[in-house]
ModelCIF file with pLDDT and N, C-alpha, C, O atoms, coordinates in Angstrom:
data_MODEL
#
_entry.id   MODEL 
#
_entity.id                         1 
_entity.type                       polymer 
_entity.pdbx_number_of_molecules   1 
#
_entity_poly.entity_id                      1 
_entity_poly.type                           'polypeptide(L)' 
_entity_poly.nstd_linkage                   no 
_entity_poly.nstd_monomer                   no 
_entity_poly.pdbx_seq_one_letter_code       TNYADSVMGRFTISRDNAKNTVYLQMNSLKPEDTAVYYCH 
_entity_poly.pdbx_seq_one_letter_code_can   TNYADSVMGRFTISRDNAKNTVYLQMNSLKPEDTAVYYCH 
_entity_poly.pdbx_strand_id                 A 
#
loop_
_entity_poly_seq.entity_id 
_entity_poly_seq.num 
_entity_poly_seq.mon_id 
_entity_poly_seq.hetero 
1 1  THR n 
1 2  ASN n 
1 3  TYR n 
1 4  ALA n 
1 5  ASP n 
1 6  SER n 
1 7  VAL n 
1 8  MET n 
1 9  GLY n 
1 10 ARG n 
1 11 PHE n 
1 12 THR n 
1 13 ILE n 
1 14 SER n 
1 15 ARG n 
1 16 ASP n 
1 17 ASN n 
1 18 ALA n 
1 19 LYS n 
1 20 ASN n 
1 21 THR n 
1 22 VAL n 
1 23 TYR n 
1 24 LEU n 
1 25 GLN n 
1 26 MET n 
1 27 ASN n 
1 28 SER n 
1 29 LEU n 
1 30 LYS n 
1 31 PRO n 
1 32 GLU n 
1 33 ASP n 
1 34 THR n 
1 35 ALA n 
1 36 VAL n 
1 37 TYR n 
1 38 TYR n 
1 39 CYS n 
1 40 HIS n 
#
_struct_asym.id          A 
_struct_asym.entity_id   1 
#
loop_
_ma_qa_metric.id 
_ma_qa_metric.mode 
_ma_qa_metric.name 
_ma_qa_metric.software_group_id 
_ma_qa_metric.type 
1 global pLDDT . pLDDT 
2 local  pLDDT . pLDDT 
#
_ma_qa_metric_global.metric_id      1 
_ma_qa_metric_global.metric_value   97.85 
_ma_qa_metric_global.model_id       1 
_ma_qa_metric_global.ordinal_id     1 
#
loop_
_ma_qa_metric_local.label_asym_id 
_ma_qa_metric_local.label_comp_id 
_ma_qa_metric_local.label_seq_id 
_ma_qa_metric_local.metric_id 
_ma_qa_metric_local.metric_value 
_ma_qa_metric_local.model_id 
_ma_qa_metric_local.ordinal_id 
A THR 1  2 98.00 1 1  
A ASN 2  2 98.00 1 2  
A TYR 3  2 98.00 1 3  
A ALA 4  2 98.00 1 4  
A ASP 5  2 98.00 1 5  
A SER 6  2 97.00 1 6  
A VAL 7  2 98.00 1 7  
A MET 8  2 98.00 1 8  
A GLY 9  2 98.00 1 9  
A ARG 10 2 98.00 1 10 
A PHE 11 2 98.00 1 11 
A THR 12 2 98.00 1 12 
A ILE 13 2 98.00 1 13 
A SER 14 2 98.00 1 14 
A ARG 15 2 98.00 1 15 
A ASP 16 2 98.00 1 16 
A ASN 17 2 98.00 1 17 
A ALA 18 2 98.00 1 18 
A LYS 19 2 98.00 1 19 
A ASN 20 2 98.00 1 20 
A THR 21 2 98.00 1 21 
A VAL 22 2 98.00 1 22 
A TYR 23 2 98.00 1 23 
A LEU 24 2 98.00 1 24 
A GLN 25 2 98.00 1 25 
A MET 26 2 98.00 1 26 
A ASN 27 2 98.00 1 27 
A SER 28 2 98.00 1 28 
A LEU 29 2 98.00 1 29 
A LYS 30 2 98.00 1 30 
A PRO 31 2 97.00 1 31 
A GLU 32 2 96.00 1 32 
A ASP 33 2 97.00 1 33 
A THR 34 2 97.00 1 34 
A ALA 35 2 98.00 1 35 
A VAL 36 2 98.00 1 36 
A TYR 37 2 98.00 1 37 
A TYR 38 2 98.00 1 38 
A CYS 39 2 98.00 1 39 
A HIS 40 2 98.00 1 40 
#
loop_
_atom_site.group_PDB 
_atom_site.id 
_atom_site.type_symbol 
_atom_site.label_atom_id 
_atom_site.label_alt_id 
_atom_site.label_comp_id 
_atom_site.label_asym_id 
_atom_site.label_entity_id 
_atom_site.label_seq_id 
_atom_site.pdbx_PDB_ins_code 
_atom_site.Cartn_x 
_atom_site.Cartn_y 
_atom_site.Cartn_z 
_atom_site.occupancy 
_atom_site.B_iso_or_equiv 
_atom_site.pdbx_formal_charge 
_atom_site.auth_seq_id 
_atom_site.auth_comp_id 
_atom_site.auth_asym_id 
_atom_site.auth_atom_id 
_atom_site.pdbx_PDB_model_num 
ATOM 1   N N  . THR A 1 1  ? 32.106 -52.326 174.191 1.00 98.00 ? 1  THR A N  1 
ATOM 2   C CA . THR A 1 1  ? 32.908 -51.178 173.801 1.00 98.00 ? 1  THR A CA 1 
ATOM 3   C C  . THR A 1 1  ? 34.367 -51.445 174.105 1.00 98.00 ? 1  THR A C  1 
ATOM 4   O O  . THR A 1 1  ? 34.699 -52.280 174.946 1.00 98.00 ? 1  THR A O  1 
ATOM 5   N N  . ASN A 1 2  ? 35.229 -50.729 173.413 1.00 98.00 ? 2  ASN A N  1 
ATOM 6   C CA . ASN A 1 2  ? 36.640 -50.775 173.717 1.00 98.00 ? 2  ASN A CA 1 
ATOM 7   C C  . ASN A 1 2  ? 37.243 -49.407 173.471 1.00 98.00 ? 2  ASN A C  1 
ATOM 8   O O  . ASN A 1 2  ? 36.741 -48.621 172.669 1.00 98.00 ? 2  ASN A O  1 
ATOM 9   N N  . TYR A 1 3  ? 38.344 -49.137 174.186 1.00 98.00 ? 3  TYR A N  1 
ATOM 10  C CA . TYR A 1 3  ? 38.968 -47.823 174.153 1.00 98.00 ? 3  TYR A CA 1 
ATOM 11  C C  . TYR A 1 3  ? 40.471 -47.944 174.127 1.00 98.00 ? 3  TYR A C  1 
ATOM 12  O O  . TYR A 1 3  ? 41.050 -48.882 174.676 1.00 98.00 ? 3  TYR A O  1 
ATOM 13  N N  . ALA A 1 4  ? 41.086 -46.987 173.484 1.00 98.00 ? 4  ALA A N  1 
ATOM 14  C CA . ALA A 1 4  ? 42.524 -46.850 173.616 1.00 98.00 ? 4  ALA A CA 1 
ATOM 15  C C  . ALA A 1 4  ? 42.871 -46.494 175.055 1.00 98.00 ? 4  ALA A C  1 
ATOM 16  O O  . ALA A 1 4  ? 42.116 -45.798 175.734 1.00 98.00 ? 4  ALA A O  1 
ATOM 17  N N  . ASP A 1 5  ? 44.018 -46.977 175.509 1.00 98.00 ? 5  ASP A N  1 
ATOM 18  C CA . ASP A 1 5  ? 44.438 -46.674 176.876 1.00 98.00 ? 5  ASP A CA 1 
ATOM 19  C C  . ASP A 1 5  ? 44.507 -45.173 177.137 1.00 98.00 ? 5  ASP A C  1 
ATOM 20  O O  . ASP A 1 5  ? 44.226 -44.717 178.246 1.00 98.00 ? 5  ASP A O  1 
ATOM 21  N N  . SER A 1 6  ? 44.876 -44.419 176.130 1.00 97.00 ? 6  SER A N  1 
ATOM 22  C CA . SER A 1 6  ? 45.070 -42.991 176.296 1.00 97.00 ? 6  SER A CA 1 
ATOM 23  C C  . SER A 1 6  ? 43.773 -42.225 176.563 1.00 97.00 ? 6  SER A C  1 
ATOM 24  O O  . SER A 1 6  ? 43.813 -41.102 177.065 1.00 97.00 ? 6  SER A O  1 
ATOM 25  N N  . VAL A 1 7  ? 42.635 -42.816 176.235 1.00 98.00 ? 7  VAL A N  1 
ATOM 26  C CA . VAL A 1 7  ? 41.357 -42.133 176.433 1.00 98.00 ? 7  VAL A CA 1 
ATOM 27  C C  . VAL A 1 7  ? 40.464 -42.832 177.441 1.00 98.00 ? 7  VAL A C  1 
ATOM 28  O O  . VAL A 1 7  ? 39.389 -42.329 177.770 1.00 98.00 ? 7  VAL A O  1 
ATOM 29  N N  . MET A 1 8  ? 40.884 -43.962 177.926 1.00 98.00 ? 8  MET A N  1 
ATOM 30  C CA . MET A 1 8  ? 40.082 -44.728 178.877 1.00 98.00 ? 8  MET A CA 1 
ATOM 31  C C  . MET A 1 8  ? 39.715 -43.866 180.079 1.00 98.00 ? 8  MET A C  1 
ATOM 32  O O  . MET A 1 8  ? 40.569 -43.211 180.675 1.00 98.00 ? 8  MET A O  1 
ATOM 33  N N  . GLY A 1 9  ? 38.442 -43.879 180.420 1.00 98.00 ? 9  GLY A N  1 
ATOM 34  C CA . GLY A 1 9  ? 37.959 -43.121 181.551 1.00 98.00 ? 9  GLY A CA 1 
ATOM 35  C C  . GLY A 1 9  ? 37.584 -41.694 181.232 1.00 98.00 ? 9  GLY A C  1 
ATOM 36  O O  . GLY A 1 9  ? 36.929 -41.032 182.037 1.00 98.00 ? 9  GLY A O  1 
ATOM 37  N N  . ARG A 1 10 ? 37.986 -41.206 180.071 1.00 98.00 ? 10 ARG A N  1 
ATOM 38  C CA . ARG A 1 10 ? 37.675 -39.839 179.665 1.00 98.00 ? 10 ARG A CA 1 
ATOM 39  C C  . ARG A 1 10 ? 36.682 -39.781 178.511 1.00 98.00 ? 10 ARG A C  1 
ATOM 40  O O  . ARG A 1 10 ? 35.851 -38.876 178.441 1.00 98.00 ? 10 ARG A O  1 
ATOM 41  N N  . PHE A 1 11 ? 36.774 -40.748 177.613 1.00 98.00 ? 11 PHE A N  1 
ATOM 42  C CA . PHE A 1 11 ? 35.916 -40.784 176.438 1.00 98.00 ? 11 PHE A CA 1 
ATOM 43  C C  . PHE A 1 11 ? 34.893 -41.898 176.584 1.00 98.00 ? 11 PHE A C  1 
ATOM 44  O O  . PHE A 1 11 ? 35.168 -42.932 177.192 1.00 98.00 ? 11 PHE A O  1 
ATOM 45  N N  . THR A 1 12 ? 33.718 -41.680 176.023 1.00 98.00 ? 12 THR A N  1 
ATOM 46  C CA . THR A 1 12 ? 32.674 -42.692 176.009 1.00 98.00 ? 12 THR A CA 1 
ATOM 47  C C  . THR A 1 12 ? 32.086 -42.785 174.612 1.00 98.00 ? 12 THR A C  1 
ATOM 48  O O  . THR A 1 12 ? 31.626 -41.788 174.054 1.00 98.00 ? 12 THR A O  1 
ATOM 49  N N  . ILE A 1 13 ? 32.102 -43.974 174.055 1.00 98.00 ? 13 ILE A N  1 
ATOM 50  C CA . ILE A 1 13 ? 31.459 -44.213 172.774 1.00 98.00 ? 13 ILE A CA 1 
ATOM 51  C C  . ILE A 1 13 ? 30.062 -44.771 173.027 1.00 98.00 ? 13 ILE A C  1 
ATOM 52  O O  . ILE A 1 13 ? 29.861 -45.587 173.927 1.00 98.00 ? 13 ILE A O  1 
ATOM 53  N N  . SER A 1 14 ? 29.113 -44.327 172.232 1.00 98.00 ? 14 SER A N  1 
ATOM 54  C CA . SER A 1 14 ? 27.749 -44.811 172.348 1.00 98.00 ? 14 SER A CA 1 
ATOM 55  C C  . SER A 1 14 ? 27.102 -44.760 170.976 1.00 98.00 ? 14 SER A C  1 
ATOM 56  O O  . SER A 1 14 ? 27.667 -44.212 170.029 1.00 98.00 ? 14 SER A O  1 
ATOM 57  N N  . ARG A 1 15 ? 25.927 -45.327 170.881 1.00 98.00 ? 15 ARG A N  1 
ATOM 58  C CA . ARG A 1 15 ? 25.226 -45.274 169.604 1.00 98.00 ? 15 ARG A CA 1 
ATOM 59  C C  . ARG A 1 15 ? 23.731 -45.242 169.820 1.00 98.00 ? 15 ARG A C  1 
ATOM 60  O O  . ARG A 1 15 ? 23.215 -45.698 170.840 1.00 98.00 ? 15 ARG A O  1 
ATOM 61  N N  . ASP A 1 16 ? 23.054 -44.696 168.841 1.00 98.00 ? 16 ASP A N  1 
ATOM 62  C CA . ASP A 1 16 ? 21.605 -44.686 168.799 1.00 98.00 ? 16 ASP A CA 1 
ATOM 63  C C  . ASP A 1 16 ? 21.225 -45.280 167.455 1.00 98.00 ? 16 ASP A C  1 
ATOM 64  O O  . ASP A 1 16 ? 21.256 -44.600 166.429 1.00 98.00 ? 16 ASP A O  1 
ATOM 65  N N  . ASN A 1 17 ? 20.871 -46.541 167.472 1.00 98.00 ? 17 ASN A N  1 
ATOM 66  C CA . ASN A 1 17 ? 20.599 -47.216 166.211 1.00 98.00 ? 17 ASN A CA 1 
ATOM 67  C C  . ASN A 1 17 ? 19.343 -46.695 165.518 1.00 98.00 ? 17 ASN A C  1 
ATOM 68  O O  . ASN A 1 17 ? 19.224 -46.795 164.296 1.00 98.00 ? 17 ASN A O  1 
ATOM 69  N N  . ALA A 1 18 ? 18.421 -46.147 166.276 1.00 98.00 ? 18 ALA A N  1 
ATOM 70  C CA . ALA A 1 18 ? 17.236 -45.550 165.675 1.00 98.00 ? 18 ALA A CA 1 
ATOM 71  C C  . ALA A 1 18 ? 17.583 -44.308 164.864 1.00 98.00 ? 18 ALA A C  1 
ATOM 72  O O  . ALA A 1 18 ? 16.842 -43.930 163.957 1.00 98.00 ? 18 ALA A O  1 
ATOM 73  N N  . LYS A 1 19 ? 18.710 -43.673 165.187 1.00 98.00 ? 19 LYS A N  1 
ATOM 74  C CA . LYS A 1 19 ? 19.162 -42.486 164.472 1.00 98.00 ? 19 LYS A CA 1 
ATOM 75  C C  . LYS A 1 19 ? 20.341 -42.758 163.558 1.00 98.00 ? 19 LYS A C  1 
ATOM 76  O O  . LYS A 1 19 ? 20.870 -41.832 162.942 1.00 98.00 ? 19 LYS A O  1 
ATOM 77  N N  . ASN A 1 20 ? 20.763 -44.008 163.459 1.00 98.00 ? 20 ASN A N  1 
ATOM 78  C CA . ASN A 1 20 ? 21.933 -44.369 162.657 1.00 98.00 ? 20 ASN A CA 1 
ATOM 79  C C  . ASN A 1 20 ? 23.146 -43.519 163.023 1.00 98.00 ? 20 ASN A C  1 
ATOM 80  O O  . ASN A 1 20 ? 23.888 -43.067 162.150 1.00 98.00 ? 20 ASN A O  1 
ATOM 81  N N  . THR A 1 21 ? 23.334 -43.310 164.309 1.00 98.00 ? 21 THR A N  1 
ATOM 82  C CA . THR A 1 21 ? 24.358 -42.388 164.772 1.00 98.00 ? 21 THR A CA 1 
ATOM 83  C C  . THR A 1 21 ? 25.222 -43.026 165.845 1.00 98.00 ? 21 THR A C  1 
ATOM 84  O O  . THR A 1 21 ? 24.723 -43.699 166.747 1.00 98.00 ? 21 THR A O  1 
ATOM 85  N N  . VAL A 1 22 ? 26.517 -42.807 165.735 1.00 98.00 ? 22 VAL A N  1 
ATOM 86  C CA . VAL A 1 22 ? 27.459 -43.174 166.774 1.00 98.00 ? 22 VAL A CA 1 
ATOM 87  C C  . VAL A 1 22 ? 28.065 -41.891 167.325 1.00 98.00 ? 22 VAL A C  1 
ATOM 88  O O  . VAL A 1 22 ? 28.320 -40.942 166.583 1.00 98.00 ? 22 VAL A O  1 
ATOM 89  N N  . TYR A 1 23 ? 28.290 -41.875 168.627 1.00 98.00 ? 23 TYR A N  1 
ATOM 90  C CA . TYR A 1 23 ? 28.782 -40.698 169.319 1.00 98.00 ? 23 TYR A CA 1 
ATOM 91  C C  . TYR A 1 23 ? 30.112 -40.985 169.997 1.00 98.00 ? 23 TYR A C  1 
ATOM 92  O O  . TYR A 1 23 ? 30.432 -42.127 170.326 1.00 98.00 ? 23 TYR A O  1 
ATOM 93  N N  . LEU A 1 24 ? 30.863 -39.940 170.193 1.00 98.00 ? 24 LEU A N  1 
ATOM 94  C CA . LEU A 1 24 ? 32.042 -40.006 171.034 1.00 98.00 ? 24 LEU A CA 1 
ATOM 95  C C  . LEU A 1 24 ? 32.005 -38.820 171.979 1.00 98.00 ? 24 LEU A C  1 
ATOM 96  O O  . LEU A 1 24 ? 32.273 -37.685 171.583 1.00 98.00 ? 24 LEU A O  1 
ATOM 97  N N  . GLN A 1 25 ? 31.673 -39.092 173.225 1.00 98.00 ? 25 GLN A N  1 
ATOM 98  C CA . GLN A 1 25 ? 31.698 -38.072 174.258 1.00 98.00 ? 25 GLN A CA 1 
ATOM 99  C C  . GLN A 1 25 ? 33.118 -37.970 174.791 1.00 98.00 ? 25 GLN A C  1 
ATOM 100 O O  . GLN A 1 25 ? 33.678 -38.954 175.275 1.00 98.00 ? 25 GLN A O  1 
ATOM 101 N N  . MET A 1 26 ? 33.689 -36.801 174.702 1.00 98.00 ? 26 MET A N  1 
ATOM 102 C CA . MET A 1 26 ? 35.069 -36.578 175.093 1.00 98.00 ? 26 MET A CA 1 
ATOM 103 C C  . MET A 1 26 ? 35.097 -35.593 176.242 1.00 98.00 ? 26 MET A C  1 
ATOM 104 O O  . MET A 1 26 ? 34.729 -34.429 176.084 1.00 98.00 ? 26 MET A O  1 
ATOM 105 N N  . ASN A 1 27 ? 35.530 -36.059 177.385 1.00 98.00 ? 27 ASN A N  1 
ATOM 106 C CA . ASN A 1 27 ? 35.634 -35.234 178.580 1.00 98.00 ? 27 ASN A CA 1 
ATOM 107 C C  . ASN A 1 27 ? 37.091 -35.100 178.995 1.00 98.00 ? 27 ASN A C  1 
ATOM 108 O O  . ASN A 1 27 ? 37.954 -35.854 178.548 1.00 98.00 ? 27 ASN A O  1 
ATOM 109 N N  . SER A 1 28 ? 37.343 -34.133 179.850 1.00 98.00 ? 28 SER A N  1 
ATOM 110 C CA . SER A 1 28 ? 38.692 -33.911 180.380 1.00 98.00 ? 28 SER A CA 1 
ATOM 111 C C  . SER A 1 28 ? 39.724 -33.862 179.268 1.00 98.00 ? 28 SER A C  1 
ATOM 112 O O  . SER A 1 28 ? 40.773 -34.503 179.343 1.00 98.00 ? 28 SER A O  1 
ATOM 113 N N  . LEU A 1 29 ? 39.416 -33.105 178.252 1.00 98.00 ? 29 LEU A N  1 
ATOM 114 C CA . LEU A 1 29 ? 40.267 -33.081 177.068 1.00 98.00 ? 29 LEU A CA 1 
ATOM 115 C C  . LEU A 1 29 ? 41.639 -32.494 177.368 1.00 98.00 ? 29 LEU A C  1 
ATOM 116 O O  . LEU A 1 29 ? 41.790 -31.566 178.163 1.00 98.00 ? 29 LEU A O  1 
ATOM 117 N N  . LYS A 1 30 ? 42.619 -33.064 176.708 1.00 98.00 ? 30 LYS A N  1 
ATOM 118 C CA . LYS A 1 30 ? 44.013 -32.669 176.849 1.00 98.00 ? 30 LYS A CA 1 
ATOM 119 C C  . LYS A 1 30 ? 44.537 -32.175 175.515 1.00 98.00 ? 30 LYS A C  1 
ATOM 120 O O  . LYS A 1 30 ? 44.008 -32.549 174.468 1.00 98.00 ? 30 LYS A O  1 
ATOM 121 N N  . PRO A 1 31 ? 45.563 -31.344 175.531 1.00 97.00 ? 31 PRO A N  1 
ATOM 122 C CA . PRO A 1 31 ? 46.145 -30.902 174.258 1.00 97.00 ? 31 PRO A CA 1 
ATOM 123 C C  . PRO A 1 31 ? 46.540 -32.053 173.348 1.00 97.00 ? 31 PRO A C  1 
ATOM 124 O O  . PRO A 1 31 ? 46.436 -31.935 172.127 1.00 97.00 ? 31 PRO A O  1 
ATOM 125 N N  . GLU A 1 32 ? 46.989 -33.154 173.914 1.00 96.00 ? 32 GLU A N  1 
ATOM 126 C CA . GLU A 1 32 ? 47.383 -34.290 173.100 1.00 96.00 ? 32 GLU A CA 1 
ATOM 127 C C  . GLU A 1 32 ? 46.213 -35.008 172.436 1.00 96.00 ? 32 GLU A C  1 
ATOM 128 O O  . GLU A 1 32 ? 46.422 -35.899 171.613 1.00 96.00 ? 32 GLU A O  1 
ATOM 129 N N  . ASP A 1 33 ? 44.982 -34.628 172.785 1.00 97.00 ? 33 ASP A N  1 
ATOM 130 C CA . ASP A 1 33 ? 43.810 -35.138 172.082 1.00 97.00 ? 33 ASP A CA 1 
ATOM 131 C C  . ASP A 1 33 ? 43.552 -34.400 170.779 1.00 97.00 ? 33 ASP A C  1 
ATOM 132 O O  . ASP A 1 33 ? 42.689 -34.803 170.000 1.00 97.00 ? 33 ASP A O  1 
ATOM 133 N N  . THR A 1 34 ? 44.278 -33.343 170.537 1.00 97.00 ? 34 THR A N  1 
ATOM 134 C CA . THR A 1 34 ? 44.121 -32.599 169.297 1.00 97.00 ? 34 THR A CA 1 
ATOM 135 C C  . THR A 1 34 ? 44.385 -33.511 168.110 1.00 97.00 ? 34 THR A C  1 
ATOM 136 O O  . THR A 1 34 ? 45.439 -34.140 168.018 1.00 97.00 ? 34 THR A O  1 
ATOM 137 N N  . ALA A 1 35 ? 43.420 -33.578 167.207 1.00 98.00 ? 35 ALA A N  1 
ATOM 138 C CA . ALA A 1 35 ? 43.515 -34.492 166.078 1.00 98.00 ? 35 ALA A CA 1 
ATOM 139 C C  . ALA A 1 35 ? 42.315 -34.285 165.179 1.00 98.00 ? 35 ALA A C  1 
ATOM 140 O O  . ALA A 1 35 ? 41.352 -33.608 165.539 1.00 98.00 ? 35 ALA A O  1 
ATOM 141 N N  . VAL A 1 36 ? 42.395 -34.878 164.011 1.00 98.00 ? 36 VAL A N  1 
ATOM 142 C CA . VAL A 1 36 ? 41.212 -35.073 163.190 1.00 98.00 ? 36 VAL A CA 1 
ATOM 143 C C  . VAL A 1 36 ? 40.615 -36.415 163.586 1.00 98.00 ? 36 VAL A C  1 
ATOM 144 O O  . VAL A 1 36 ? 41.301 -37.437 163.580 1.00 98.00 ? 36 VAL A O  1 
ATOM 145 N N  . TYR A 1 37 ? 39.351 -36.402 163.924 1.00 98.00 ? 37 TYR A N  1 
ATOM 146 C CA . TYR A 1 37 ? 38.658 -37.605 164.361 1.00 98.00 ? 37 TYR A CA 1 
ATOM 147 C C  . TYR A 1 37 ? 37.793 -38.137 163.229 1.00 98.00 ? 37 TYR A C  1 
ATOM 148 O O  . TYR A 1 37 ? 37.064 -37.389 162.577 1.00 98.00 ? 37 TYR A O  1 
ATOM 149 N N  . TYR A 1 38 ? 37.889 -39.439 163.012 1.00 98.00 ? 38 TYR A N  1 
ATOM 150 C CA . TYR A 1 38 ? 37.212 -40.095 161.901 1.00 98.00 ? 38 TYR A CA 1 
ATOM 151 C C  . TYR A 1 38 ? 36.312 -41.218 162.393 1.00 98.00 ? 38 TYR A C  1 
ATOM 152 O O  . TYR A 1 38 ? 36.680 -41.984 163.283 1.00 98.00 ? 38 TYR A O  1 
ATOM 153 N N  . CYS A 1 39 ? 35.155 -41.300 161.812 1.00 98.00 ? 39 CYS A N  1 
ATOM 154 C CA . CYS A 1 39 ? 34.243 -42.413 161.995 1.00 98.00 ? 39 CYS A CA 1 
ATOM 155 C C  . CYS A 1 39 ? 34.553 -43.480 160.947 1.00 98.00 ? 39 CYS A C  1 
ATOM 156 O O  . CYS A 1 39 ? 34.902 -43.157 159.811 1.00 98.00 ? 39 CYS A O  1 
ATOM 157 N N  . HIS A 1 40 ? 34.424 -44.750 161.330 1.00 98.00 ? 40 HIS A N  1 
ATOM 158 C CA . HIS A 1 40 ? 34.799 -45.840 160.439 1.00 98.00 ? 40 HIS A CA 1 
ATOM 159 C C  . HIS A 1 40 ? 33.883 -47.031 160.626 1.00 98.00 ? 40 HIS A C  1 
ATOM 160 O O  . HIS A 1 40 ? 34.049 -48.049 159.954 1.00 98.00 ? 40 HIS A O  1 
#
């Protein structure tokens, strides 16, 4: 995994290949995290 410095320690990316799903767990959210989030 890799993370932007701005989210390191707060966000966790994971996946469940059996469900064809990737997740982004976002904790300790800050106003500057406000955005449209896109999967790619």
